Amino acid sequence: MRVGLLGGGVIGGGWAARFLLNGFDVQMYDPDPEAPRKVGEVLANARRATTKLVMPALPAEGTLTFLDSPEAAATGADFVQESAPERLELKQQLLRRASTAAGPDIVFASSTSGLLPSLLQQGMTHPERLVVGHPFNPVYLLPLVEICGGSQSSAAAADRAAAVYETVGMHPLRLRKEIDGFVADRLLEALWREALWLVNDGVATASEIDDAIRFGAGLRWSFMGTFLVYRIAGGEAGMRHFMAQFGPTLQWPWTKLMDVPELTDELLDTIVSQSDEQAGAASIRELEVLRDDCLIAVMQGLRTVGYGAGEVLDRYERQLFGRGTPTAVEPDLTAPVRVHECRVPTDWVDYNGHTNDSRYMQLSSEAGDRFLRLIGMDSAYLESGRSFFTVESHVNYVAQTRAGDQLYVTVQLLSHDQKRMRLFTAMRRSDDDALVATAEHMMLHVDTTADRASPADPVILAKLAAIAEYHDRLPAPPQAGRHIGQPSR
């Protein structure tokens, strides 16, 4: 699939990264001569963050091409996303020009955070195909995207946009009505106005206000919205009791929500000064990395309970797992199967400058996942309530590796029956084939619905038998069957 992007700023660069890392080719128009550098830096951050976020291997990265006109960026595209600065005339001009070059059925989406789609689609060729697709920064990590149609927008265009966004791991929120600022930004604006007043009146500093959010309600907001949180606050009687108890407080003169302080030079200087103090010596890129790591931790944590953004991540990972890594070449079964390779990232390295012990288990586990796909355990198999669980593992550390080392992993099937299989993985450096670590795993086939061991599907057993026919002839690895403290052979 090919995506045309109009604009390569913060949002456009984030869109480019999300599409590219999901295997889409991207053709971008941005008149800024620095756009390739800026987008490249965003892509580097996104590549680092996304590979930390998801366990399955990402598809082969798409290609990024910069073009010299909006018409060129839309030509041949299967989907077009506009992310120009928030100026109505500029966006209208870009959309008018690009829509003349794209096929009549190609959907256009605007990243605008507040402009009405009815205004944006004026003058377009086939304006019914335009919708707003409003993302949140960083686009390559946050799953929410608001979809809002205008007066001429078709339901089919919104459906198409939602399908594209779901394919790249996002959560589309379809708006029922066209409204300035949509939903999320209107909520954010209310909080922002109150925050400005608190700074203006000297009640709290920018840092203190952010602390009030990030150490309190903000943590809840990442997995529950206001209504569900307040329903729980009402106890067994639920929302009705909450509203009866706390509803009258809405009449109290707490908020200045309906008013906004004048953004005088003095207030602006105060906010800028406090923000500078809050950031300290950290650069924008360093703050982005910190932000990404925090988001990853939250979403991966939520994934373990299958709720909120974690549910979206789980569904996305299952999509990636189901796609697998297609290959036209049958594996060579006369030797241990080479299933996985990677370059040691910097965050795998510990205080000794070497790869941390736990990463070899991770690397072996990832290789095991690829072996499972090889024998037919795909997303459909997982959805049917069947999977292999690791019940015992043993790792041998043979040599050291450092950041930047290219590694590859082979898997040898040592034994199997209807419910079990014993795998041996060998992790080696690519440049000299030196063995750096081995791992042995006993895996049990489980009926996840009944939560007990069960025979594997006959198709999978047949594939294991075909591999065993070759691997039974291989010599047993010297590390296989070792126990802790056993002398080296």
Protein backbone atom coordinates (compact mmCIF):
# COMPACT_ATOMS: atom_id res chain seq x y z
CA MET A 1 0.00 0.00 0.00
CA ARG A 2 1.18 3.51 -0.81
CA VAL A 3 0.31 6.55 1.31
CA GLY A 4 0.59 10.16 0.22
CA LEU A 5 1.47 12.64 2.96
CA LEU A 6 1.01 16.40 2.65
CA GLY A 7 3.24 17.99 5.28
CA GLY A 8 6.25 16.63 7.13
CA GLY A 9 6.27 18.52 10.43
CA VAL A 10 5.82 17.00 13.87
CA ILE A 11 2.51 15.33 12.97
CA GLY A 12 3.36 14.53 9.36
CA GLY A 13 6.68 13.02 10.44
CA GLY A 14 4.85 10.91 13.00
CA TRP A 15 2.42 9.65 10.36
CA ALA A 16 5.34 8.83 8.06
CA ALA A 17 6.96 6.79 10.81
CA ARG A 18 3.78 4.87 11.68
CA PHE A 19 3.06 3.99 8.05
CA LEU A 20 6.67 3.17 7.15
CA LEU A 21 7.17 0.90 10.16
CA ASN A 22 4.03 -1.00 9.16
CA GLY A 23 5.44 -1.69 5.71
CA PHE A 24 3.63 1.05 3.76
CA ASP A 25 5.47 3.05 1.12
CA VAL A 26 5.21 6.80 1.74
CA GLN A 27 5.47 9.65 -0.73
CA MET A 28 5.63 13.04 0.97
CA TYR A 29 5.35 16.66 -0.06
CA ASP A 30 6.77 19.37 2.21
CA PRO A 31 8.36 22.58 0.90
CA ASP A 32 10.72 22.82 3.88
CA PRO A 33 14.25 21.89 2.67
CA GLU A 34 14.95 20.55 6.16
CA ALA A 35 12.00 18.14 6.02
CA PRO A 36 14.08 15.03 5.12
CA ARG A 37 16.36 15.59 8.12
CA LYS A 38 13.50 16.30 10.52
CA VAL A 39 11.42 13.35 9.36
CA GLY A 40 14.51 11.14 9.52
CA GLU A 41 15.05 12.07 13.16
CA VAL A 42 11.41 11.37 14.02
CA LEU A 43 11.64 8.04 12.19
CA ALA A 44 14.75 7.09 14.17
CA ASN A 45 12.91 7.76 17.43
CA ALA A 46 9.85 5.88 16.18
CA ARG A 47 11.88 2.89 15.03
CA ARG A 48 13.51 2.63 18.44
CA ALA A 49 10.23 3.07 20.31
CA THR A 50 8.06 0.76 18.19
CA THR A 51 10.50 -2.15 18.33
CA LYS A 52 10.42 -1.80 22.13
CA LEU A 53 6.64 -1.57 22.19
CA VAL A 54 5.70 -4.74 20.28
CA MET A 55 7.10 -8.25 20.63
CA PRO A 56 6.44 -9.62 17.10
CA ALA A 57 8.75 -8.64 14.29
CA LEU A 58 7.64 -5.61 12.30
CA PRO A 59 7.16 -6.04 8.55
CA ALA A 60 9.86 -4.90 6.15
CA GLU A 61 10.02 -1.12 6.40
CA GLY A 62 8.41 0.83 3.57
CA THR A 63 10.23 3.31 1.37
CA LEU A 64 10.07 7.09 1.90
CA THR A 65 10.15 9.39 -1.12
CA PHE A 66 10.06 13.21 -1.02
CA LEU A 67 8.26 14.83 -3.96
CA ASP A 68 8.06 18.44 -5.14
CA SER A 69 4.30 19.01 -5.29
CA PRO A 70 1.08 17.94 -3.57
CA GLU A 71 -0.12 16.54 -6.91
CA ALA A 72 2.91 14.26 -7.11
CA ALA A 73 2.45 13.10 -3.52
CA ALA A 74 -1.18 12.10 -4.25
CA THR A 75 -0.51 10.44 -7.60
CA GLY A 76 -0.70 6.67 -7.27
CA ALA A 77 -1.46 6.84 -3.54
CA ASP A 78 -4.01 4.49 -1.98
CA PHE A 79 -4.67 6.89 0.91
CA VAL A 80 -3.74 10.55 1.52
CA GLN A 81 -3.14 12.20 4.91
CA GLU A 82 -2.79 15.99 5.12
CA SER A 83 -0.80 17.44 8.04
CA ALA A 84 -0.02 21.03 7.04
CA PRO A 85 0.04 23.92 9.56
CA GLU A 86 -3.35 24.94 11.03
CA ARG A 87 -4.19 27.58 8.41
CA LEU A 88 -7.49 27.03 6.62
CA GLU A 89 -6.45 28.61 3.31
CA LEU A 90 -3.21 26.59 3.18
CA LYS A 91 -4.95 23.31 3.89
CA GLN A 92 -7.71 24.04 1.37
CA GLN A 93 -5.14 24.83 -1.31
CA LEU A 94 -3.18 21.63 -0.69
CA LEU A 95 -6.31 19.48 -0.67
CA ARG A 96 -7.66 21.12 -3.85
CA ARG A 97 -4.40 20.52 -5.70
CA ALA A 98 -3.80 17.00 -4.45
CA SER A 99 -7.40 15.88 -5.07
CA THR A 100 -7.06 16.63 -8.78
CA ALA A 101 -4.27 14.05 -9.07
CA ALA A 102 -5.64 11.19 -6.94
CA GLY A 103 -8.15 8.65 -8.20
CA PRO A 104 -11.80 9.50 -7.48
CA ASP A 105 -12.13 6.78 -4.82
CA ILE A 106 -8.95 7.64 -2.89
CA VAL A 107 -9.81 8.82 0.62
CA PHE A 108 -8.27 12.01 1.99
CA ALA A 109 -7.88 12.61 5.74
CA SER A 110 -6.81 15.81 7.46
CA SER A 111 -4.82 15.83 10.70
CA THR A 112 -6.35 19.17 11.71
CA SER A 113 -6.90 19.54 15.44
CA GLY A 114 -9.88 21.87 15.13
CA LEU A 115 -10.83 23.05 11.62
CA LEU A 116 -14.20 21.83 10.41
CA PRO A 117 -14.06 19.27 7.59
CA SER A 118 -16.96 21.04 5.84
CA LEU A 119 -14.64 24.00 5.34
CA LEU A 120 -11.63 21.90 4.35
CA GLN A 121 -13.46 20.01 1.61
CA GLN A 122 -14.61 23.16 -0.18
CA GLY A 123 -13.18 23.25 -3.70
CA MET A 124 -11.90 19.67 -3.65
CA THR A 125 -12.38 17.27 -6.50
CA HIS A 126 -14.80 14.66 -5.11
CA PRO A 127 -15.13 16.36 -1.70
CA GLU A 128 -17.22 13.49 -0.35
CA ARG A 129 -14.05 11.46 0.20
CA LEU A 130 -12.55 13.86 2.77
CA VAL A 131 -12.71 13.21 6.51
CA VAL A 132 -10.73 14.47 9.48
CA GLY A 133 -8.29 11.91 10.88
CA HIS A 134 -7.02 13.77 13.95
CA PRO A 135 -4.11 11.96 15.69
CA PHE A 136 -2.20 12.73 18.86
CA ASN A 137 1.51 13.27 19.34
CA PRO A 138 3.55 11.08 19.08
CA VAL A 139 1.51 9.71 16.20
CA TYR A 140 3.64 6.56 15.99
CA LEU A 141 2.77 5.55 19.57
CA LEU A 142 -0.59 6.96 20.67
CA PRO A 143 -3.44 4.85 19.27
CA LEU A 144 -6.27 7.42 19.28
CA VAL A 145 -7.35 9.00 16.00
CA GLU A 146 -10.60 11.00 15.79
CA ILE A 147 -12.58 10.56 12.56
CA CYS A 148 -15.03 13.34 11.72
CA GLY A 149 -16.90 13.86 8.47
CA GLY A 150 -18.11 17.11 6.97
CA SER A 151 -21.37 18.06 5.32
CA GLN A 152 -20.33 16.37 2.06
CA SER A 153 -18.38 13.42 3.51
CA SER A 154 -19.57 9.91 2.73
CA ALA A 155 -19.85 7.12 5.28
CA ALA A 156 -17.68 5.01 2.98
CA ALA A 157 -14.81 7.49 3.31
CA ALA A 158 -14.97 7.30 7.12
CA ASP A 159 -15.12 3.50 6.94
CA ARG A 160 -12.07 3.41 4.67
CA ALA A 161 -10.09 5.76 6.92
CA ALA A 162 -10.96 3.69 10.00
CA ALA A 163 -9.82 0.49 8.26
CA VAL A 164 -6.47 2.05 7.31
CA TYR A 165 -5.88 3.32 10.83
CA GLU A 166 -6.75 -0.04 12.41
CA THR A 167 -4.26 -1.74 10.09
CA VAL A 168 -1.44 0.32 11.62
CA GLY A 169 -2.48 -0.38 15.21
CA MET A 170 -4.69 2.64 15.99
CA HIS A 171 -8.06 3.10 17.71
CA PRO A 172 -10.44 5.15 15.51
CA LEU A 173 -13.02 7.23 17.38
CA ARG A 174 -15.95 8.05 15.08
CA LEU A 175 -17.58 11.39 15.92
CA ARG A 176 -21.36 11.59 15.68
CA LYS A 177 -21.41 15.30 14.81
CA GLU A 178 -19.09 17.86 13.26
CA ILE A 179 -17.86 20.27 15.94
CA ASP A 180 -14.99 22.73 16.35
CA GLY A 181 -12.08 21.07 18.13
CA PHE A 182 -13.74 17.64 17.99
CA VAL A 183 -13.89 15.76 21.33
CA ALA A 184 -10.44 15.19 22.80
CA ASP A 185 -9.09 18.69 22.19
CA ARG A 186 -12.20 20.29 23.68
CA LEU A 187 -11.55 18.34 26.88
CA LEU A 188 -7.88 19.27 26.80
CA GLU A 189 -8.74 22.91 26.17
CA ALA A 190 -10.90 23.04 29.30
CA LEU A 191 -8.04 21.74 31.43
CA TRP A 192 -5.56 24.06 29.69
CA ARG A 193 -7.70 27.16 30.37
CA GLU A 194 -7.92 26.32 34.07
CA ALA A 195 -4.17 25.67 34.20
CA LEU A 196 -3.48 29.11 32.71
CA TRP A 197 -5.59 30.72 35.40
CA LEU A 198 -3.77 28.84 38.17
CA VAL A 199 -0.43 30.17 36.85
CA ASN A 200 -1.85 33.63 36.27
CA ASP A 201 -3.18 33.85 39.84
CA GLY A 202 0.05 32.52 41.36
CA VAL A 203 -1.70 29.45 42.81
CA ALA A 204 0.75 26.94 41.28
CA THR A 205 3.69 26.79 38.89
CA ALA A 206 3.71 24.96 35.56
CA SER A 207 5.69 22.12 37.14
CA GLU A 208 3.33 21.84 40.11
CA ILE A 209 0.26 21.73 37.85
CA ASP A 210 1.83 18.98 35.75
CA ASP A 211 2.63 17.07 38.96
CA ALA A 212 -1.02 17.31 40.00
CA ILE A 213 -1.94 15.56 36.75
CA ARG A 214 0.88 13.05 36.24
CA PHE A 215 0.91 11.77 39.82
CA GLY A 216 -2.89 11.72 40.15
CA ALA A 217 -5.76 11.66 37.69
CA GLY A 218 -3.51 11.37 34.65
CA LEU A 219 -2.57 7.83 35.62
CA ARG A 220 -6.24 6.89 35.74
CA TRP A 221 -7.00 8.67 32.48
CA SER A 222 -4.59 6.37 30.65
CA PHE A 223 -6.95 3.44 31.19
CA MET A 224 -10.33 4.86 32.30
CA GLY A 225 -12.18 7.96 31.21
CA THR A 226 -13.92 10.48 33.43
CA PHE A 227 -17.34 8.84 33.41
CA LEU A 228 -16.19 5.35 34.40
CA VAL A 229 -13.88 6.75 37.08
CA TYR A 230 -16.72 8.78 38.56
CA ARG A 231 -19.10 5.85 38.37
CA ILE A 232 -16.70 3.83 40.49
CA ALA A 233 -16.41 6.77 42.90
CA GLY A 234 -20.15 6.45 43.47
CA GLY A 235 -19.68 3.04 45.09
CA GLU A 236 -22.26 0.29 44.79
CA ALA A 237 -24.96 2.83 43.90
CA GLY A 238 -22.91 3.90 40.89
CA MET A 239 -23.18 7.09 38.88
CA ARG A 240 -26.54 8.19 40.32
CA HIS A 241 -25.08 8.33 43.84
CA PHE A 242 -21.98 10.12 42.57
CA MET A 243 -24.07 12.78 40.81
CA ALA A 244 -26.30 13.23 43.84
CA GLN A 245 -23.29 13.67 46.09
CA PHE A 246 -20.97 15.70 43.87
CA GLY A 247 -23.23 17.19 41.18
CA PRO A 248 -24.11 20.28 43.27
CA THR A 249 -20.42 21.18 43.51
CA LEU A 250 -20.57 22.16 39.84
CA GLN A 251 -22.38 25.29 41.03
CA TRP A 252 -19.57 26.22 43.38
CA PRO A 253 -17.28 29.06 42.20
CA TRP A 254 -14.22 26.85 41.82
CA THR A 255 -13.49 27.14 38.13
CA LYS A 256 -12.89 30.04 35.79
CA LEU A 257 -13.63 27.74 32.88
CA MET A 258 -15.93 30.20 31.15
CA ASP A 259 -13.27 32.88 31.16
CA VAL A 260 -9.63 32.92 30.12
CA PRO A 261 -6.80 35.13 31.35
CA GLU A 262 -5.38 37.68 28.98
CA LEU A 263 -2.18 36.32 27.56
CA THR A 264 -0.11 39.35 28.53
CA ASP A 265 3.63 39.48 27.95
CA GLU A 266 4.06 39.09 31.70
CA LEU A 267 1.99 35.88 31.85
CA LEU A 268 3.67 34.50 28.73
CA ASP A 269 7.12 35.19 30.20
CA THR A 270 6.10 33.48 33.44
CA ILE A 271 4.89 30.36 31.64
CA VAL A 272 7.97 30.17 29.41
CA SER A 273 10.32 30.66 32.36
CA GLN A 274 8.61 27.98 34.42
CA SER A 275 8.60 25.58 31.47
CA ASP A 276 12.33 26.15 30.90
CA GLU A 277 13.01 25.47 34.57
CA GLN A 278 10.91 22.32 34.46
CA ALA A 279 12.79 20.91 31.44
CA GLY A 280 16.23 21.71 32.83
CA ALA A 281 19.12 20.77 30.54
CA ALA A 282 17.20 18.08 28.62
CA SER A 283 16.94 18.61 24.86
CA ILE A 284 13.72 18.12 22.91
CA ARG A 285 14.96 14.77 21.57
CA GLU A 286 15.89 13.61 25.08
CA LEU A 287 12.45 14.62 26.34
CA GLU A 288 10.87 12.75 23.42
CA VAL A 289 12.81 9.60 24.28
CA LEU A 290 11.76 9.90 27.93
CA ARG A 291 8.14 10.45 26.86
CA ASP A 292 8.22 7.44 24.56
CA ASP A 293 9.68 5.15 27.22
CA CYS A 294 6.98 6.20 29.68
CA LEU A 295 4.22 5.57 27.15
CA ILE A 296 5.69 2.17 26.30
CA ALA A 297 5.77 1.20 29.95
CA VAL A 298 2.13 2.26 30.44
CA MET A 299 0.82 0.52 27.33
CA GLN A 300 2.80 -2.68 27.87
CA GLY A 301 1.64 -2.72 31.46
CA LEU A 302 -1.99 -2.30 30.37
CA ARG A 303 -1.51 -5.09 27.86
CA THR A 304 -1.00 -7.60 30.68
CA VAL A 305 -4.57 -6.94 31.86
CA GLY A 306 -6.03 -6.58 28.35
CA TYR A 307 -7.69 -3.22 29.00
CA GLY A 308 -7.79 0.24 27.42
CA ALA A 309 -4.79 1.01 25.24
CA GLY A 310 -3.37 -2.38 26.26
CA GLU A 311 -6.28 -4.10 24.52
CA VAL A 312 -5.50 -2.16 21.32
CA LEU A 313 -1.82 -3.12 21.62
CA ASP A 314 -2.71 -6.78 22.17
CA ARG A 315 -4.89 -6.79 19.06
CA TYR A 316 -2.12 -5.07 17.06
CA GLU A 317 0.50 -7.58 18.22
CA ARG A 318 -1.77 -10.43 17.22
CA GLN A 319 -2.10 -8.83 13.77
CA LEU A 320 1.70 -8.67 13.50
CA PHE A 321 2.05 -12.24 14.75
CA GLY A 322 -0.50 -13.42 12.21
CA ARG A 323 1.28 -11.70 9.33
CA GLY A 324 4.58 -13.27 10.30
CA THR A 325 7.61 -12.84 8.08
CA PRO A 326 6.72 -14.27 4.65
CA THR A 327 9.46 -16.04 2.76
CA ALA A 328 9.47 -17.68 -0.63
CA VAL A 329 12.34 -20.01 0.35
CA GLU A 330 11.68 -23.24 2.22
CA PRO A 331 13.88 -23.57 5.31
CA ASP A 332 16.85 -25.91 5.16
CA LEU A 333 15.88 -28.70 7.55
CA THR A 334 19.16 -30.57 7.23
CA ALA A 335 20.60 -28.18 9.84
CA PRO A 336 19.19 -26.18 12.76
CA VAL A 337 16.71 -23.70 11.23
CA ARG A 338 17.89 -20.10 11.06
CA VAL A 339 14.79 -18.19 12.15
CA HIS A 340 15.78 -14.82 13.59
CA GLU A 341 18.42 -12.11 13.53
CA CYS A 342 18.90 -8.74 15.16
CA ARG A 343 21.45 -6.08 16.01
CA VAL A 344 22.12 -5.58 19.74
CA PRO A 345 20.53 -2.22 20.67
CA THR A 346 22.16 0.11 23.16
CA ASP A 347 19.49 -0.44 25.84
CA TRP A 348 20.39 -4.16 26.00
CA VAL A 349 23.83 -3.32 27.39
CA ASP A 350 24.42 -3.32 31.16
CA TYR A 351 26.95 -1.52 33.36
CA ASN A 352 29.74 -3.87 32.18
CA GLY A 353 29.28 -2.78 28.59
CA HIS A 354 27.99 -6.23 27.61
CA THR A 355 24.55 -7.53 26.67
CA ASN A 356 22.49 -8.17 29.80
CA ASP A 357 21.79 -11.82 30.66
CA SER A 358 18.03 -11.40 30.33
CA ARG A 359 18.32 -10.31 26.70
CA TYR A 360 19.61 -13.72 25.61
CA MET A 361 16.46 -15.28 27.00
CA GLN A 362 14.44 -12.64 25.16
CA LEU A 363 16.33 -13.33 21.94
CA SER A 364 15.80 -17.07 22.33
CA SER A 365 12.11 -16.52 23.06
CA GLU A 366 11.69 -14.40 19.93
CA ALA A 367 13.34 -17.15 17.91
CA GLY A 368 10.94 -19.65 19.47
CA ASP A 369 8.00 -17.48 18.38
CA ARG A 370 9.26 -17.57 14.81
CA PHE A 371 9.64 -21.34 14.97
CA LEU A 372 6.03 -21.57 16.18
CA ARG A 373 4.93 -19.58 13.13
CA LEU A 374 6.98 -21.91 10.96
CA ILE A 375 5.00 -24.91 12.19
CA GLY A 376 1.65 -23.12 11.70
CA MET A 377 0.80 -21.39 14.98
CA ASP A 378 -0.66 -18.16 13.62
CA SER A 379 -3.18 -15.64 14.94
CA ALA A 380 -6.13 -17.84 13.90
CA TYR A 381 -4.66 -20.72 15.90
CA LEU A 382 -4.28 -18.47 18.96
CA GLU A 383 -7.84 -17.19 18.56
CA SER A 384 -9.06 -20.78 18.56
CA GLY A 385 -7.83 -21.11 22.15
CA ARG A 386 -4.66 -23.13 21.57
CA SER A 387 -1.03 -22.23 22.13
CA PHE A 388 2.36 -23.51 23.30
CA PHE A 389 3.52 -22.41 26.76
CA THR A 390 7.14 -22.60 27.91
CA VAL A 391 7.33 -24.63 31.12
CA GLU A 392 11.10 -24.93 31.58
CA SER A 393 14.18 -23.18 30.20
CA HIS A 394 17.95 -23.35 30.62
CA VAL A 395 20.45 -20.78 29.27
CA ASN A 396 24.18 -21.15 28.75
CA TYR A 397 26.29 -18.03 28.32
CA VAL A 398 29.29 -18.72 26.11
CA ALA A 399 30.70 -15.38 24.94
CA GLN A 400 30.03 -11.66 25.33
CA THR A 401 28.34 -9.32 22.90
CA ARG A 402 28.17 -5.55 22.78
CA ALA A 403 25.90 -2.87 21.36
CA GLY A 404 25.90 -2.97 17.57
CA ASP A 405 26.80 -6.67 17.24
CA GLN A 406 24.71 -8.46 14.62
CA LEU A 407 23.34 -11.78 15.90
CA TYR A 408 21.37 -14.64 14.41
CA VAL A 409 19.54 -17.54 16.05
CA THR A 410 18.96 -21.14 14.96
CA VAL A 411 16.43 -23.60 16.36
CA GLN A 412 16.85 -27.38 16.58
CA LEU A 413 13.94 -29.66 17.44
CA LEU A 414 15.34 -32.12 20.00
CA SER A 415 12.15 -34.10 20.63
CA HIS A 416 8.37 -33.85 20.57
CA ASP A 417 5.14 -35.73 21.20
CA GLN A 418 1.47 -34.79 20.93
CA LYS A 419 1.62 -32.31 23.82
CA ARG A 420 5.29 -31.33 24.20
CA MET A 421 8.28 -30.21 22.24
CA ARG A 422 11.86 -29.58 23.27
CA LEU A 423 13.69 -26.83 21.42
CA PHE A 424 17.34 -25.85 21.43
CA THR A 425 18.36 -22.37 20.27
CA ALA A 426 21.88 -21.27 19.40
CA MET A 427 22.68 -17.54 19.30
CA ARG A 428 25.69 -16.56 17.18
CA ARG A 429 27.48 -13.45 15.96
CA SER A 430 26.92 -12.93 12.26
CA ASP A 431 30.42 -11.72 11.38
CA ASP A 432 32.33 -14.77 12.66
CA ASP A 433 29.60 -17.33 13.52
CA ALA A 434 30.91 -17.41 17.08
CA LEU A 435 28.49 -19.03 19.53
CA VAL A 436 27.53 -16.51 22.22
CA ALA A 437 24.69 -18.26 24.05
CA THR A 438 22.38 -21.27 23.91
CA ALA A 439 18.99 -21.96 25.43
CA GLU A 440 16.91 -25.08 25.84
CA HIS A 441 13.13 -24.90 26.26
CA MET A 442 10.45 -27.43 27.08
CA MET A 443 7.14 -26.25 25.65
CA LEU A 444 3.69 -27.61 26.48
CA HIS A 445 0.69 -27.39 24.18
CA VAL A 446 -2.24 -25.86 26.09
CA ASP A 447 -5.96 -25.46 25.62
CA THR A 448 -6.15 -21.87 26.88
CA THR A 449 -9.93 -22.03 27.35
CA ALA A 450 -9.75 -25.08 29.65
CA ASP A 451 -6.32 -24.03 31.00
CA ARG A 452 -4.82 -27.51 30.66
CA ALA A 453 -2.47 -29.45 28.43
CA SER A 454 -3.95 -30.81 25.21
CA PRO A 455 -2.73 -32.45 22.00
CA ALA A 456 -1.62 -30.07 19.28
CA ASP A 457 -3.50 -29.79 16.00
CA PRO A 458 -2.71 -32.65 13.56
CA VAL A 459 -1.42 -30.16 10.99
CA ILE A 460 1.13 -28.81 13.47
CA LEU A 461 2.08 -32.33 14.58
CA ALA A 462 2.64 -33.26 10.94
CA LYS A 463 4.97 -30.29 10.46
CA LEU A 464 6.88 -31.19 13.63
CA ALA A 465 7.21 -34.76 12.37
CA ALA A 466 8.58 -33.53 9.05
CA ILE A 467 11.19 -31.41 10.85
CA ALA A 468 12.02 -34.23 13.27
CA GLU A 469 12.76 -36.55 10.35
CA TYR A 470 15.80 -34.37 9.62
CA HIS A 471 16.67 -33.03 13.08
CA ASP A 472 16.73 -36.51 14.65
CA ARG A 473 19.80 -37.17 12.50
CA LEU A 474 21.66 -34.12 13.79
CA PRO A 475 24.18 -34.52 16.60
CA ALA A 476 22.92 -33.48 20.02
CA PRO A 477 24.30 -30.05 20.97
CA PRO A 478 26.89 -30.37 23.78
CA GLN A 479 24.92 -27.89 25.93
CA ALA A 480 21.63 -29.82 25.60
CA GLY A 481 20.44 -31.45 28.81
CA ARG A 482 22.95 -29.64 31.00
CA HIS A 483 22.23 -28.83 34.62
CA ILE A 484 23.52 -25.96 36.73
CA GLY A 485 27.18 -26.43 37.61
CA GLN A 486 27.79 -29.33 35.22
CA PRO A 487 31.40 -29.25 33.95
CA SER A 488 31.92 -28.26 30.33
CA ARG A 489 32.52 -31.14 27.94
